[in-house]
């Protein structure tokens, strides 16, 4: 089966920033993404957990998208404009997809 090279971008950000981030991704030409809840973790500020939180104000989400490599710079530019002033992590990795026309 034929596969095609793509980029997988994972952005972990404060939940209250989710709509700003997804709006920026849409503006950058991203046609699809998945938003996942983040249950907890540990980072520069220490360990944290979503359990016991009443609102989403202190929670985190992860936005995952797969794109064609030539769209990466536009995506990162839009995402960084949102992430640079907030807690967040952006990672990029290579991946292969089966249906390139969807990305």
C-alpha atoms as a PDB file:
ATOM      1  CA  UNK A   1       0.000   0.000   0.000  1.00  0.00           C
ATOM      2  CA  UNK A   2       1.298   3.460  -0.900  1.00  0.00           C
ATOM      3  CA  UNK A   3       1.955   5.958   1.885  1.00  0.00           C
ATOM      4  CA  UNK A   4       2.665   9.681   1.686  1.00  0.00           C
ATOM      5  CA  UNK A   5       4.888  11.855   3.888  1.00  0.00           C
ATOM      6  CA  UNK A   6       3.127  14.278   6.242  1.00  0.00           C
ATOM      7  CA  UNK A   7       3.740  16.250   9.422  1.00  0.00           C
ATOM      8  CA  UNK A   8       1.999  15.562  12.729  1.00  0.00           C
ATOM      9  CA  UNK A   9       1.716  18.627  14.946  1.00  0.00           C
ATOM     10  CA  UNK A  10       0.704  18.319  18.599  1.00  0.00           C
ATOM     11  CA  UNK A  11      -0.033  21.468  20.571  1.00  0.00           C
ATOM     12  CA  UNK A  12      -0.737  21.280  24.288  1.00  0.00           C
ATOM     13  CA  UNK A  13      -2.250  24.502  25.598  1.00  0.00           C
ATOM     14  CA  UNK A  14      -4.504  25.881  28.329  1.00  0.00           C
ATOM     15  CA  UNK A  15      -8.110  24.865  27.652  1.00  0.00           C
ATOM     16  CA  UNK A  16      -9.340  28.457  27.728  1.00  0.00           C
ATOM     17  CA  UNK A  17      -7.096  29.160  24.700  1.00  0.00           C
ATOM     18  CA  UNK A  18      -8.496  26.317  22.593  1.00  0.00           C
ATOM     19  CA  UNK A  19     -10.802  28.391  20.397  1.00  0.00           C
ATOM     20  CA  UNK A  20      -8.105  31.006  19.717  1.00  0.00           C
ATOM     21  CA  UNK A  21      -5.725  28.249  18.696  1.00  0.00           C
ATOM     22  CA  UNK A  22      -8.195  26.416  16.454  1.00  0.00           C
ATOM     23  CA  UNK A  23      -9.222  29.738  14.860  1.00  0.00           C
ATOM     24  CA  UNK A  24      -5.536  30.451  14.124  1.00  0.00           C
ATOM     25  CA  UNK A  25      -5.087  26.976  12.632  1.00  0.00           C
ATOM     26  CA  UNK A  26      -8.136  27.439  10.400  1.00  0.00           C
ATOM     27  CA  UNK A  27      -6.777  30.829   9.247  1.00  0.00           C
ATOM     28  CA  UNK A  28      -3.477  29.097   8.429  1.00  0.00           C
ATOM     29  CA  UNK A  29      -5.308  26.678   6.108  1.00  0.00           C
ATOM     30  CA  UNK A  30      -5.564  23.656   8.398  1.00  0.00           C
ATOM     31  CA  UNK A  31      -8.676  21.748   7.364  1.00  0.00           C
ATOM     32  CA  UNK A  32      -8.804  19.224  10.192  1.00  0.00           C
ATOM     33  CA  UNK A  33      -7.672  18.673  13.743  1.00  0.00           C
ATOM     34  CA  UNK A  34      -8.569  16.709  16.855  1.00  0.00           C
ATOM     35  CA  UNK A  35      -8.904  18.183  20.349  1.00  0.00           C
ATOM     36  CA  UNK A  36      -8.124  15.898  23.282  1.00  0.00           C
ATOM     37  CA  UNK A  37      -8.475  16.568  27.005  1.00  0.00           C
ATOM     38  CA  UNK A  38      -5.223  16.431  28.967  1.00  0.00           C
ATOM     39  CA  UNK A  39      -5.725  14.749  32.331  1.00  0.00           C
ATOM     40  CA  UNK A  40      -2.495  15.817  33.985  1.00  0.00           C
ATOM     41  CA  UNK A  41       1.238  15.934  33.667  1.00  0.00           C
ATOM     42  CA  UNK A  42       4.422  17.505  34.875  1.00  0.00           C
ATOM     43  CA  UNK A  43       6.518  20.297  33.470  1.00  0.00           C
ATOM     44  CA  UNK A  44       8.599  23.330  34.325  1.00  0.00           C
ATOM     45  CA  UNK A  45       6.102  24.373  37.014  1.00  0.00           C
ATOM     46  CA  UNK A  46       5.849  20.889  38.532  1.00  0.00           C
ATOM     47  CA  UNK A  47       3.165  18.211  38.538  1.00  0.00           C
ATOM     48  CA  UNK A  48      -0.508  19.032  38.034  1.00  0.00           C
ATOM     49  CA  UNK A  49      -3.766  17.134  37.640  1.00  0.00           C
ATOM     50  CA  UNK A  50      -7.133  17.948  36.171  1.00  0.00           C
ATOM     51  CA  UNK A  51      -8.949  15.970  38.856  1.00  0.00           C
ATOM     52  CA  UNK A  52     -10.930  18.078  41.268  1.00  0.00           C
ATOM     53  CA  UNK A  53     -11.110  21.051  38.891  1.00  0.00           C
ATOM     54  CA  UNK A  54     -14.574  22.587  38.724  1.00  0.00           C
ATOM     55  CA  UNK A  55     -14.036  24.585  35.542  1.00  0.00           C
ATOM     56  CA  UNK A  56     -11.847  24.196  32.504  1.00  0.00           C
ATOM     57  CA  UNK A  57      -9.974  27.390  33.377  1.00  0.00           C
ATOM     58  CA  UNK A  58      -6.965  25.562  34.777  1.00  0.00           C
ATOM     59  CA  UNK A  59      -7.133  22.534  32.484  1.00  0.00           C
ATOM     60  CA  UNK A  60      -5.163  21.739  29.360  1.00  0.00           C
ATOM     61  CA  UNK A  61      -6.068  20.353  25.939  1.00  0.00           C
ATOM     62  CA  UNK A  62      -4.014  18.894  23.136  1.00  0.00           C
ATOM     63  CA  UNK A  63      -4.774  19.815  19.544  1.00  0.00           C
ATOM     64  CA  UNK A  64      -3.429  17.302  17.023  1.00  0.00           C
ATOM     65  CA  UNK A  65      -3.339  17.799  13.266  1.00  0.00           C
ATOM     66  CA  UNK A  66      -1.704  16.117  10.311  1.00  0.00           C
ATOM     67  CA  UNK A  67      -0.764  18.281   7.360  1.00  0.00           C
ATOM     68  CA  UNK A  68       1.239  18.301   4.151  1.00  0.00           C
ATOM     69  CA  UNK A  69       4.866  19.318   4.831  1.00  0.00           C
ATOM     70  CA  UNK A  70       4.586  22.485   2.732  1.00  0.00           C
ATOM     71  CA  UNK A  71       1.857  23.832   5.068  1.00  0.00           C
ATOM     72  CA  UNK A  72       3.974  23.518   8.217  1.00  0.00           C
ATOM     73  CA  UNK A  73       5.426  27.051   8.306  1.00  0.00           C
ATOM     74  CA  UNK A  74       1.991  28.699   8.036  1.00  0.00           C
ATOM     75  CA  UNK A  75       0.600  26.446  10.757  1.00  0.00           C
ATOM     76  CA  UNK A  76       3.510  27.114  13.118  1.00  0.00           C
ATOM     77  CA  UNK A  77       3.300  30.864  12.532  1.00  0.00           C
ATOM     78  CA  UNK A  78      -0.387  30.933  13.423  1.00  0.00           C
ATOM     79  CA  UNK A  79      -0.002  28.578  16.375  1.00  0.00           C
ATOM     80  CA  UNK A  80       3.002  30.386  17.837  1.00  0.00           C
ATOM     81  CA  UNK A  81       1.130  33.693  17.808  1.00  0.00           C
ATOM     82  CA  UNK A  82      -1.295  32.070  20.296  1.00  0.00           C
ATOM     83  CA  UNK A  83       1.088  29.850  22.262  1.00  0.00           C
ATOM     84  CA  UNK A  84       3.948  32.317  22.827  1.00  0.00           C
ATOM     85  CA  UNK A  85       2.141  34.225  25.602  1.00  0.00           C
ATOM     86  CA  UNK A  86       0.638  31.198  27.343  1.00  0.00           C
ATOM     87  CA  UNK A  87       1.561  27.847  28.800  1.00  0.00           C
ATOM     88  CA  UNK A  88       1.972  25.462  25.907  1.00  0.00           C
ATOM     89  CA  UNK A  89       4.118  22.953  24.097  1.00  0.00           C
ATOM     90  CA  UNK A  90       4.343  22.476  20.329  1.00  0.00           C
ATOM     91  CA  UNK A  91       5.873  19.350  18.820  1.00  0.00           C
ATOM     92  CA  UNK A  92       6.303  18.359  15.185  1.00  0.00           C
ATOM     93  CA  UNK A  93       7.054  14.883  13.902  1.00  0.00           C
ATOM     94  CA  UNK A  94       7.178  13.108  10.573  1.00  0.00           C
ATOM     95  CA  UNK A  95       4.440  10.618   9.771  1.00  0.00           C
ATOM     96  CA  UNK A  96       3.025   8.706   6.832  1.00  0.00           C
ATOM     97  CA  UNK A  97      -0.611   8.768   5.709  1.00  0.00           C
ATOM     98  CA  UNK A  98      -2.572   6.538   3.394  1.00  0.00           C
ATOM     99  CA  UNK A  99      -4.896   9.115   1.822  1.00  0.00           C
ATOM    100  CA  UNK A 100      -2.845  12.214   1.042  1.00  0.00           C
ATOM    101  CA  UNK A 101      -5.816  14.038  -0.494  1.00  0.00           C
ATOM    102  CA  UNK A 102      -7.364  14.408   2.984  1.00  0.00           C
ATOM    103  CA  UNK A 103      -4.497  16.563   4.241  1.00  0.00           C
END
